[in-house]
Amino acid sequence: MTQNIKTTHNLLSINIGAVIALALFVFSCSIQENAPATNNKSWLAGDHHIHSRYSVGWDRETDPPTPIIAGDAIYPIPMNALMAKYHGLDWMVATDHGGPNHSKVNLEKAYPELLSSREVVPDLIQFYGMELNTPGGTHSSIIIPRHEHEHTQVYEIESGFDTRDKHPRDPSRHTEEKMLEALEFMQGMPLKPVLIANHPSRGTDSLGGYSSYHPEELRNWNDTAPRVAVGMEGAPGHQANAINPDGSNDPEGSRGGYRTGQPTLGGFDQMTAILGGFWDSMLGEGRRWSITSTSDHHIHWRDGGSDFWPGEYSKTYVYGENTYDGILEGLRNAHVFVTTGDLISELYVTGSSYGATASIGEALPLQRSGDVDVTIRIRDLHSSEQNAHGDTPQVGRVDLIVGEINGPVSDRSQGTNPTTTVERRFTADDWVREGDYLVMTHTLENVHHSSYFRVRGTNNTDELEPESDPVGEDPWTDLWFYSNPVFIEMQ
């Protein structure tokens, strides 16, 4: 998305050599070689929606149009990686998008710079990917497994299916049928990518309405390529839209770039944030449909843009081994929670019954009806720690949300799950501190139906449910986290 630049600056002429020199200086004291692979799983913070200067503008006076480097997003990939590492990320994805013949820009310019970036910031996992101009939709992130032909894999997808890559533009590419063809193509790849729908309801004009993506469409994606199309952005990027370059508030800015129609709710897209809404309708079918939180970084707010650096505000945490394959498997299997403003940095949600235990993204099998004991463990910021805004936000409330699983819906346009309820709201009186963690427990009594439970929390105790974000809202004052669910499957 082209940014509305509020100030002039000289960042368009950033010298890549200077960025590399800076990065090498910063990391020389602590990084001597690539971080060794580990068999230990942990929560790994990342961002799958980051643009570099190869998300270009276009000179349309030529035929075909000529790409203008830094015409949309402006920073080199190594600078994005350096700032991602600085703000606590373990992994990121380079996801440039474009227009006519942009597949060649990715192949010939963005990919070589990514290879350099991997050398500059070696202990940050850096996936190669792209933001697809999605047939029948708007945008979606594609994450490619790391391998020697990753660049040709991106080229094949973008040149073959991106709605804006072909010149002159081919209207037949911009259909939902074409997207299913693309997903079949990706599902058939030996090394399958991961695809996540970006800002899914941006542009919708009503609460509970849909814009470029609708329920049947996303169900079709997941059915066609269940190991590829695995989720959607829960919290979109562009969250700094209401912050001026001097740090003051812009009373006309809107979080997420949701400038018209229905705004975000607590910074989250309504397809995630509405209790019993679209996300719950997918979970109510038993789908492993994940949510994420990203920066959609083009231009930082201090340079006149609408964005935070990767990791500065939003983080997607994946539970897995600190390897390329480990992170992708964590995403595919919904071992994910998301947070804004560093409200929390670890989240463990477990369900136990009859000696069996399951965690986020996993299924707890029940042979017969019975109680399920739920334990929630959260690591929040301690009094000596601060987020990127210099705050130490405190978790004010944690919600345990439960819904039934009733299998595939008969009406594939359905976007609600009326069985979804807040089972319990925890406040400081309901949890105990055990070392670095807040711990709370609850028992789901006499569970006799397949179901799921997930966790949501906030520092904003004035809202029992996330409310529509007003224009000009300071995003640092309204923080939320969400977990993917634990499933309970009656055998």
Protein backbone atom coordinates (compact mmCIF):
# COMPACT_ATOMS: atom_id res chain seq x y z
CA MET A 1 0.00 0.00 0.00
CA THR A 2 1.43 3.37 -0.96
CA GLN A 3 2.05 5.45 2.12
CA ASN A 4 0.90 9.02 2.74
CA ILE A 5 4.27 10.66 3.41
CA LYS A 6 3.96 13.43 6.00
CA THR A 7 7.52 14.76 5.85
CA THR A 8 10.41 14.91 3.42
CA HIS A 9 13.58 13.02 4.20
CA ASN A 10 16.70 11.68 2.57
CA LEU A 11 16.13 8.00 3.26
CA LEU A 12 15.44 7.26 -0.39
CA SER A 13 19.18 7.36 -0.95
CA ILE A 14 20.18 5.04 1.88
CA ASN A 15 23.52 3.45 1.05
CA ILE A 16 23.42 -0.31 1.43
CA GLY A 17 27.12 -0.42 2.30
CA ALA A 18 26.54 1.94 5.22
CA VAL A 19 23.70 -0.25 6.49
CA ILE A 20 25.90 -3.33 6.32
CA ALA A 21 28.75 -1.55 8.10
CA LEU A 22 26.40 -0.40 10.85
CA ALA A 23 24.97 -3.86 11.31
CA LEU A 24 28.39 -5.49 11.46
CA PHE A 25 29.49 -2.98 14.07
CA VAL A 26 26.41 -3.52 16.23
CA PHE A 27 26.65 -7.29 16.17
CA SER A 28 30.43 -7.79 16.09
CA CYS A 29 30.73 -7.97 19.85
CA SER A 30 28.26 -10.79 20.29
CA ILE A 31 27.91 -12.62 16.97
CA GLN A 32 30.83 -14.56 15.60
CA GLU A 33 29.01 -17.15 13.49
CA ASN A 34 25.57 -18.44 12.67
CA ALA A 35 23.61 -19.43 15.73
CA PRO A 36 23.72 -23.22 16.13
CA ALA A 37 20.56 -25.22 15.56
CA THR A 38 18.84 -26.40 18.68
CA ASN A 39 16.43 -29.21 19.41
CA ASN A 40 14.77 -27.20 22.15
CA LYS A 41 11.44 -25.55 21.43
CA SER A 42 10.63 -22.09 22.71
CA TRP A 43 8.49 -19.08 21.87
CA LEU A 44 10.08 -17.30 18.90
CA ALA A 45 8.93 -13.81 17.96
CA GLY A 46 8.56 -12.82 14.32
CA ASP A 47 6.87 -10.83 11.58
CA HIS A 48 5.73 -12.21 8.21
CA HIS A 49 4.74 -8.91 6.53
CA ILE A 50 7.71 -6.59 5.87
CA HIS A 51 8.40 -4.49 2.78
CA SER A 52 11.76 -3.21 1.54
CA ARG A 53 12.77 -0.71 -1.11
CA TYR A 54 11.93 -3.41 -3.68
CA SER A 55 8.25 -2.81 -3.05
CA VAL A 56 8.60 -0.30 -5.82
CA GLY A 57 6.75 2.57 -7.43
CA TRP A 58 6.19 2.72 -11.17
CA ASP A 59 7.01 5.09 -14.01
CA ARG A 60 3.98 4.54 -16.20
CA GLU A 61 5.24 6.85 -18.93
CA THR A 62 7.15 3.84 -20.28
CA ASP A 63 5.75 0.61 -21.71
CA PRO A 64 6.08 -1.62 -19.83
CA PRO A 65 6.18 0.58 -16.71
CA THR A 66 9.63 1.02 -15.20
CA PRO A 67 10.10 0.12 -11.53
CA ILE A 68 11.14 2.99 -9.24
CA ILE A 69 13.21 1.59 -6.37
CA ALA A 70 11.99 2.87 -2.98
CA GLY A 71 8.87 4.25 -4.63
CA ASP A 72 6.57 2.60 -2.07
CA ALA A 73 8.59 1.17 0.82
CA ILE A 74 12.04 2.69 1.27
CA TYR A 75 14.48 0.68 3.42
CA PRO A 76 17.05 -1.94 2.38
CA ILE A 77 16.36 -5.46 3.60
CA PRO A 78 19.42 -5.46 5.93
CA MET A 79 18.08 -2.36 7.69
CA ASN A 80 14.73 -4.07 8.23
CA ALA A 81 16.56 -7.09 9.60
CA LEU A 82 18.78 -4.99 11.87
CA MET A 83 15.77 -3.21 13.35
CA ALA A 84 13.83 -6.46 13.67
CA LYS A 85 16.67 -7.93 15.70
CA TYR A 86 16.96 -4.76 17.77
CA HIS A 87 13.26 -4.99 18.63
CA GLY A 88 13.49 -8.58 19.77
CA LEU A 89 12.51 -10.67 16.75
CA ASP A 90 13.90 -14.13 16.14
CA TRP A 91 12.57 -14.45 12.58
CA MET A 92 11.18 -12.30 9.78
CA VAL A 93 9.98 -12.63 6.20
CA ALA A 94 10.89 -10.31 3.31
CA THR A 95 7.55 -9.81 1.54
CA ASP A 96 7.84 -7.31 -1.27
CA HIS A 97 4.96 -6.73 -3.68
CA GLY A 98 4.66 -4.86 -6.93
CA GLY A 99 3.09 -4.56 -10.33
CA PRO A 100 4.05 -5.22 -13.98
CA ASN A 101 6.89 -7.74 -14.14
CA HIS A 102 7.68 -7.27 -10.46
CA SER A 103 8.59 -10.95 -10.32
CA LYS A 104 11.86 -9.95 -12.02
CA VAL A 105 12.49 -7.24 -9.41
CA ASN A 106 12.12 -9.82 -6.65
CA LEU A 107 14.32 -12.31 -8.48
CA GLU A 108 17.09 -9.98 -9.62
CA LYS A 109 17.21 -7.36 -6.85
CA ALA A 110 15.34 -8.31 -3.68
CA TYR A 111 16.66 -11.87 -3.43
CA PRO A 112 20.37 -10.98 -3.75
CA GLU A 113 19.90 -8.33 -1.07
CA LEU A 114 18.21 -10.89 1.19
CA LEU A 115 21.25 -13.14 0.81
CA SER A 116 23.44 -10.23 1.91
CA SER A 117 21.11 -9.53 4.81
CA ARG A 118 21.44 -13.10 6.05
CA GLU A 119 25.19 -12.55 6.26
CA VAL A 120 24.83 -9.17 7.96
CA VAL A 121 22.39 -10.36 10.65
CA PRO A 122 23.22 -14.07 10.89
CA ASP A 123 21.35 -14.94 14.07
CA LEU A 124 18.02 -13.67 12.74
CA ILE A 125 16.13 -16.23 10.69
CA GLN A 126 15.22 -14.45 7.44
CA PHE A 127 12.73 -16.17 5.17
CA TYR A 128 12.35 -15.24 1.53
CA GLY A 129 8.76 -14.64 0.47
CA MET A 130 6.48 -12.07 -1.08
CA GLU A 131 3.17 -10.32 -0.63
CA LEU A 132 0.94 -11.72 -3.33
CA ASN A 133 -1.54 -9.43 -5.05
CA THR A 134 -4.13 -12.09 -4.43
CA PRO A 135 -6.48 -13.31 -7.16
CA GLY A 136 -10.03 -12.52 -6.08
CA GLY A 137 -8.79 -10.69 -2.98
CA THR A 138 -6.25 -8.10 -1.92
CA HIS A 139 -2.96 -9.25 -0.37
CA SER A 140 -1.53 -12.34 1.27
CA SER A 141 1.89 -13.19 2.67
CA ILE A 142 3.74 -16.14 1.18
CA ILE A 143 6.57 -17.68 3.22
CA ILE A 144 8.98 -19.99 1.38
CA PRO A 145 10.93 -22.78 3.09
CA ARG A 146 14.65 -22.08 2.92
CA HIS A 147 16.34 -24.08 0.17
CA GLU A 148 18.65 -23.51 -2.76
CA HIS A 149 15.82 -22.84 -5.21
CA GLU A 150 13.70 -20.59 -2.98
CA HIS A 151 14.15 -17.67 -5.39
CA THR A 152 12.78 -19.60 -8.37
CA GLN A 153 9.87 -20.80 -6.25
CA VAL A 154 8.84 -17.20 -5.52
CA TYR A 155 9.33 -16.29 -9.18
CA GLU A 156 7.07 -19.12 -10.34
CA ILE A 157 4.28 -18.11 -7.98
CA GLU A 158 4.46 -14.37 -8.63
CA SER A 159 4.88 -14.56 -12.40
CA GLY A 160 2.18 -17.20 -12.71
CA PHE A 161 -0.53 -15.92 -10.39
CA ASP A 162 -0.01 -12.38 -9.05
CA THR A 163 -2.87 -10.20 -10.32
CA ARG A 164 -0.61 -7.26 -11.18
CA ASP A 165 2.50 -8.99 -12.48
CA LYS A 166 1.38 -9.58 -16.07
CA HIS A 167 1.52 -6.65 -18.49
CA PRO A 168 -0.88 -5.71 -19.95
CA ARG A 169 -2.99 -6.73 -16.97
CA ASP A 170 -5.05 -9.90 -17.46
CA PRO A 171 -8.51 -9.64 -15.81
CA SER A 172 -8.83 -13.42 -15.75
CA ARG A 173 -6.14 -13.52 -13.08
CA HIS A 174 -8.25 -11.56 -10.60
CA THR A 175 -10.78 -14.27 -9.75
CA GLU A 176 -11.30 -16.60 -6.82
CA GLU A 177 -11.00 -19.54 -9.22
CA LYS A 178 -7.50 -18.37 -10.16
CA MET A 179 -6.56 -18.25 -6.49
CA LEU A 180 -7.67 -21.85 -6.02
CA GLU A 181 -5.52 -22.76 -9.02
CA ALA A 182 -2.60 -20.98 -7.34
CA LEU A 183 -3.20 -22.85 -4.10
CA GLU A 184 -3.34 -26.19 -5.90
CA PHE A 185 -0.03 -25.27 -7.50
CA MET A 186 1.54 -24.42 -4.12
CA GLN A 187 0.04 -27.48 -2.40
CA GLY A 188 1.69 -29.62 -5.07
CA MET A 189 5.15 -28.19 -4.47
CA PRO A 190 7.58 -30.60 -2.78
CA LEU A 191 8.55 -27.79 -0.37
CA LYS A 192 5.25 -26.15 0.40
CA PRO A 193 5.03 -22.45 1.25
CA VAL A 194 2.82 -20.99 3.97
CA LEU A 195 0.18 -18.45 2.94
CA ILE A 196 -1.61 -16.01 5.27
CA ALA A 197 -4.40 -13.60 4.24
CA ASN A 198 -3.44 -10.02 5.09
CA HIS A 199 -5.72 -7.31 6.58
CA PRO A 200 -8.75 -9.49 5.75
CA SER A 201 -11.58 -7.02 6.38
CA ARG A 202 -9.86 -3.74 5.60
CA GLY A 203 -12.37 -1.67 3.65
CA THR A 204 -15.54 -3.28 4.96
CA ASP A 205 -18.27 -0.73 5.69
CA SER A 206 -19.95 -2.41 8.66
CA LEU A 207 -19.33 -4.32 11.85
CA GLY A 208 -19.73 -7.98 10.98
CA GLY A 209 -19.48 -7.29 7.26
CA TYR A 210 -16.85 -8.40 4.76
CA SER A 211 -14.70 -6.69 2.19
CA SER A 212 -12.19 -8.41 -0.09
CA TYR A 213 -12.34 -11.72 1.75
CA HIS A 214 -15.50 -13.54 2.74
CA PRO A 215 -16.04 -16.77 4.72
CA GLU A 216 -16.71 -19.11 1.80
CA GLU A 217 -13.59 -17.88 0.01
CA LEU A 218 -11.27 -18.56 2.95
CA ARG A 219 -12.90 -21.94 3.58
CA ASN A 220 -12.20 -22.82 -0.05
CA TRP A 221 -8.56 -21.78 0.41
CA ASN A 222 -8.13 -23.98 3.46
CA ASP A 223 -9.90 -26.95 1.87
CA THR A 224 -7.81 -26.69 -1.31
CA ALA A 225 -4.43 -26.34 0.41
CA PRO A 226 -4.70 -27.08 4.15
CA ARG A 227 -0.93 -27.14 4.62
CA VAL A 228 -0.47 -23.87 2.72
CA ALA A 229 -3.44 -21.58 3.48
CA VAL A 230 -3.27 -21.69 7.26
CA GLY A 231 -4.58 -18.37 8.57
CA MET A 232 -4.98 -14.61 8.48
CA GLU A 233 -3.62 -11.46 10.06
CA GLY A 234 -5.39 -10.96 13.35
CA ALA A 235 -3.78 -7.57 13.98
CA PRO A 236 -2.86 -5.74 10.76
CA GLY A 237 0.14 -3.47 10.35
CA HIS A 238 0.15 0.33 9.95
CA GLN A 239 -0.69 0.70 13.65
CA ALA A 240 1.30 3.96 13.90
CA ASN A 241 -1.04 5.82 11.57
CA ALA A 242 -2.02 8.24 14.33
CA ILE A 243 1.55 9.16 15.34
CA ASN A 244 3.26 12.20 13.81
CA PRO A 245 7.03 12.23 13.11
CA ASP A 246 7.62 14.31 16.25
CA GLY A 247 5.77 11.74 18.36
CA SER A 248 2.65 13.83 18.81
CA ASN A 249 -0.80 12.47 18.13
CA ASP A 250 -2.51 12.81 14.74
CA PRO A 251 -6.22 13.18 15.56
CA GLU A 252 -7.18 12.01 12.06
CA GLY A 253 -5.06 8.85 11.99
CA SER A 254 -6.64 5.40 11.98
CA ARG A 255 -5.03 2.23 13.30
CA GLY A 256 -4.20 -0.38 10.71
CA GLY A 257 -4.84 1.97 7.82
CA TYR A 258 -8.53 1.13 8.18
CA ARG A 259 -9.40 4.62 7.03
CA THR A 260 -12.94 4.00 5.79
CA GLY A 261 -15.76 1.86 7.03
CA GLN A 262 -15.33 -0.38 10.04
CA PRO A 263 -12.17 0.36 12.08
CA THR A 264 -10.07 -2.14 13.98
CA LEU A 265 -11.17 -3.31 17.44
CA GLY A 266 -8.39 -3.02 19.99
CA GLY A 267 -6.01 -2.92 17.02
CA PHE A 268 -7.33 -6.24 15.67
CA ASP A 269 -9.27 -6.98 12.52
CA GLN A 270 -12.93 -7.66 13.23
CA MET A 271 -12.72 -11.13 11.63
CA THR A 272 -10.58 -12.04 14.66
CA ALA A 273 -11.80 -9.68 17.37
CA ILE A 274 -15.56 -10.27 17.33
CA LEU A 275 -16.46 -12.90 19.92
CA GLY A 276 -18.26 -15.71 18.11
CA GLY A 277 -17.40 -14.14 14.75
CA PHE A 278 -15.60 -15.43 11.69
CA TRP A 279 -12.53 -16.83 13.44
CA ASP A 280 -14.70 -18.75 15.88
CA SER A 281 -16.79 -20.06 12.99
CA MET A 282 -13.62 -21.56 11.48
CA LEU A 283 -12.51 -23.00 14.81
CA GLY A 284 -16.02 -24.40 15.30
CA GLU A 285 -15.42 -26.57 12.26
CA GLY A 286 -12.24 -27.88 13.86
CA ARG A 287 -10.03 -26.01 11.40
CA ARG A 288 -6.47 -25.16 12.38
CA TRP A 289 -6.93 -21.56 11.23
CA SER A 290 -4.26 -19.40 12.79
CA ILE A 291 -4.01 -15.67 13.43
CA THR A 292 -0.90 -13.48 13.30
CA SER A 293 0.18 -9.91 14.11
CA THR A 294 2.48 -7.92 11.82
CA SER A 295 4.00 -4.53 11.06
CA ASP A 296 3.28 -4.31 7.30
CA HIS A 297 6.35 -2.10 7.47
CA HIS A 298 6.88 0.34 4.58
CA ILE A 299 7.99 3.62 6.16
CA HIS A 300 8.58 4.27 9.85
CA TRP A 301 6.42 6.84 11.55
CA ARG A 302 9.44 9.00 12.43
CA ASP A 303 10.15 9.27 8.69
CA GLY A 304 6.61 10.30 7.85
CA GLY A 305 5.06 6.89 7.38
CA SER A 306 2.41 4.89 9.22
CA ASP A 307 4.47 2.03 10.48
CA PHE A 308 6.39 0.62 13.39
CA TRP A 309 9.62 -1.23 12.79
CA PRO A 310 9.26 -5.03 12.71
CA GLY A 311 8.84 -6.11 16.32
CA GLU A 312 8.56 -2.58 17.68
CA TYR A 313 4.83 -2.93 18.35
CA SER A 314 3.45 -6.25 17.01
CA LYS A 315 4.86 -9.72 17.45
CA THR A 316 3.77 -13.16 16.25
CA TYR A 317 5.15 -15.82 18.58
CA VAL A 318 5.64 -19.34 17.19
CA TYR A 319 6.42 -22.27 19.46
CA GLY A 320 9.06 -24.40 17.78
CA GLU A 321 12.71 -25.09 17.25
CA ASN A 322 14.82 -22.09 16.33
CA THR A 323 15.26 -23.22 12.71
CA TYR A 324 13.60 -22.38 9.41
CA ASP A 325 11.74 -25.70 9.36
CA GLY A 326 10.81 -25.45 13.03
CA ILE A 327 9.17 -22.06 12.62
CA LEU A 328 7.25 -23.07 9.50
CA GLU A 329 5.96 -26.20 11.19
CA GLY A 330 4.87 -24.12 14.16
CA LEU A 331 2.91 -21.82 11.84
CA ARG A 332 1.34 -24.71 9.95
CA ASN A 333 0.23 -26.36 13.18
CA ALA A 334 -1.15 -23.19 14.84
CA HIS A 335 1.38 -23.18 17.68
CA VAL A 336 1.00 -19.40 17.80
CA PHE A 337 0.03 -16.49 20.00
CA VAL A 338 0.18 -12.79 19.15
CA THR A 339 0.61 -9.62 21.16
CA THR A 340 0.91 -5.87 20.74
CA GLY A 341 3.05 -3.47 22.76
CA ASP A 342 5.01 -6.35 24.36
CA LEU A 343 2.16 -6.84 26.79
CA ILE A 344 3.40 -10.43 27.23
CA SER A 345 6.33 -12.45 25.90
CA GLU A 346 5.37 -16.03 26.77
CA LEU A 347 1.99 -17.74 26.94
CA TYR A 348 1.36 -21.35 27.91
CA VAL A 349 -2.22 -22.63 27.74
CA THR A 350 -2.79 -26.29 28.57
CA GLY A 351 -5.76 -28.56 29.00
CA SER A 352 -5.51 -31.78 30.99
CA SER A 353 -7.92 -34.68 31.49
CA TYR A 354 -7.53 -38.36 32.38
CA GLY A 355 -3.75 -38.02 32.29
CA ALA A 356 -3.58 -36.49 28.80
CA THR A 357 -2.40 -32.93 28.15
CA ALA A 358 -2.55 -30.60 25.14
CA SER A 359 -1.21 -27.10 24.48
CA ILE A 360 -1.81 -24.27 21.99
CA GLY A 361 -2.55 -25.73 18.55
CA GLU A 362 -2.84 -29.28 19.85
CA ALA A 363 -5.82 -31.58 20.44
CA LEU A 364 -6.76 -33.15 23.77
CA PRO A 365 -8.48 -36.51 23.16
CA LEU A 366 -11.34 -37.44 25.49
CA GLN A 367 -12.52 -41.04 25.55
CA ARG A 368 -15.51 -40.14 27.69
CA SER A 369 -17.15 -37.10 29.25
CA GLY A 370 -15.25 -35.47 32.06
CA ASP A 371 -13.64 -32.37 33.49
CA VAL A 372 -10.83 -30.55 31.70
CA ASP A 373 -8.37 -28.62 33.84
CA VAL A 374 -7.10 -25.48 32.14
CA THR A 375 -3.85 -23.80 33.19
CA ILE A 376 -2.69 -20.44 31.83
CA ARG A 377 0.86 -19.19 32.41
CA ILE A 378 1.87 -15.73 31.20
CA ARG A 379 5.18 -13.92 31.27
CA ASP A 380 4.56 -10.17 31.36
CA LEU A 381 6.94 -7.23 31.55
CA HIS A 382 8.52 -6.85 34.95
CA SER A 383 8.97 -3.53 36.70
CA SER A 384 12.55 -3.21 35.42
CA GLU A 385 11.56 -3.84 31.79
CA GLN A 386 10.07 -1.51 29.18
CA ASN A 387 8.55 -1.84 25.75
CA ALA A 388 9.66 0.23 22.75
CA HIS A 389 7.55 3.16 23.93
CA GLY A 390 9.29 3.21 27.30
CA ASP A 391 6.24 1.80 29.10
CA THR A 392 5.81 -1.18 31.39
CA PRO A 393 2.24 -2.22 30.52
CA GLN A 394 0.44 -4.52 32.89
CA VAL A 395 -2.01 -7.29 32.05
CA GLY A 396 -5.32 -6.15 33.53
CA ARG A 397 -7.59 -9.01 32.49
CA VAL A 398 -7.38 -12.44 30.86
CA ASP A 399 -10.40 -14.02 29.16
CA LEU A 400 -10.88 -17.77 28.73
CA ILE A 401 -13.07 -18.28 25.66
CA VAL A 402 -14.82 -21.57 24.83
CA GLY A 403 -16.74 -22.72 21.75
CA GLU A 404 -18.20 -25.96 20.43
CA ILE A 405 -16.87 -27.88 17.44
CA ASN A 406 -19.75 -29.09 15.29
CA GLY A 407 -17.93 -29.97 12.08
CA PRO A 408 -18.31 -28.47 8.61
CA VAL A 409 -21.04 -25.85 8.29
CA SER A 410 -23.84 -26.41 5.80
CA ASP A 411 -23.77 -22.73 4.82
CA ARG A 412 -20.20 -21.94 3.83
CA SER A 413 -20.92 -18.21 3.97
CA GLN A 414 -21.53 -18.51 7.72
CA GLY A 415 -19.34 -16.17 9.73
CA THR A 416 -20.54 -16.79 13.27
CA ASN A 417 -20.31 -19.43 15.96
CA PRO A 418 -23.19 -18.82 18.41
CA THR A 419 -21.78 -21.37 20.89
CA THR A 420 -18.74 -19.18 21.65
CA THR A 421 -18.75 -17.61 25.12
CA VAL A 422 -16.37 -16.10 27.63
CA GLU A 423 -16.12 -18.92 30.14
CA ARG A 424 -14.26 -16.84 32.71
CA ARG A 425 -12.63 -13.44 33.11
CA PHE A 426 -9.51 -13.41 35.29
CA THR A 427 -8.22 -10.29 37.03
CA ALA A 428 -5.33 -9.78 39.46
CA ASP A 429 -7.40 -11.28 42.27
CA ASP A 430 -7.64 -14.55 40.34
CA TRP A 431 -4.02 -15.26 39.50
CA VAL A 432 -0.83 -15.84 41.45
CA ARG A 433 2.73 -14.93 40.56
CA GLU A 434 5.14 -17.84 40.37
CA GLY A 435 8.57 -16.42 39.62
CA ASP A 436 8.38 -14.70 36.24
CA TYR A 437 4.87 -15.91 35.48
CA LEU A 438 1.26 -15.10 36.21
CA VAL A 439 -0.61 -18.37 36.71
CA MET A 440 -4.35 -18.97 36.68
CA THR A 441 -6.44 -22.12 36.55
CA HIS A 442 -10.00 -23.10 35.74
CA THR A 443 -11.93 -26.35 35.32
CA LEU A 444 -14.26 -26.94 32.40
CA GLU A 445 -16.78 -29.23 34.03
CA ASN A 446 -18.38 -32.29 32.43
CA VAL A 447 -17.11 -31.71 28.91
CA HIS A 448 -19.13 -34.02 26.67
CA HIS A 449 -18.85 -32.36 23.26
CA SER A 450 -15.90 -31.63 20.98
CA SER A 451 -14.87 -28.03 21.62
CA TYR A 452 -11.98 -25.61 21.83
CA PHE A 453 -10.74 -22.98 24.23
CA ARG A 454 -8.54 -19.98 23.59
CA VAL A 455 -7.20 -17.08 25.63
CA ARG A 456 -7.34 -13.32 25.15
CA GLY A 457 -5.97 -10.58 27.39
CA THR A 458 -5.57 -6.83 27.63
CA ASN A 459 -4.31 -3.92 29.66
CA ASN A 460 -7.58 -2.13 28.87
CA THR A 461 -9.97 -3.20 31.61
CA ASP A 462 -12.57 -0.61 30.58
CA GLU A 463 -13.67 -2.82 27.68
CA LEU A 464 -15.17 -6.26 28.30
CA GLU A 465 -15.06 -6.76 24.54
CA PRO A 466 -12.68 -4.87 22.23
CA GLU A 467 -14.45 -1.78 20.92
CA SER A 468 -14.06 0.04 17.61
CA ASP A 469 -10.90 2.14 17.68
CA PRO A 470 -11.56 5.88 17.35
CA VAL A 471 -9.52 7.98 14.96
CA GLY A 472 -6.47 9.43 16.62
CA GLU A 473 -6.16 6.65 19.21
CA ASP A 474 -2.70 6.17 20.72
CA PRO A 475 -1.98 2.49 20.00
CA TRP A 476 0.24 2.14 23.07
CA THR A 477 -2.72 2.67 25.40
CA ASP A 478 -4.85 -0.19 24.03
CA LEU A 479 -2.93 -3.48 24.01
CA TRP A 480 -4.22 -7.03 23.52
CA PHE A 481 -2.92 -10.55 23.13
CA TYR A 482 -4.65 -13.61 21.65
CA SER A 483 -3.76 -17.29 21.66
CA ASN A 484 -4.64 -19.88 19.10
CA PRO A 485 -6.89 -22.54 20.60
CA VAL A 486 -6.47 -25.84 22.33
CA PHE A 487 -8.89 -28.35 20.79
CA ILE A 488 -10.85 -30.95 22.75
CA GLU A 489 -11.81 -33.94 20.61
CA MET A 490 -14.33 -36.48 21.83
CA GLN A 491 -13.28 -39.89 20.57
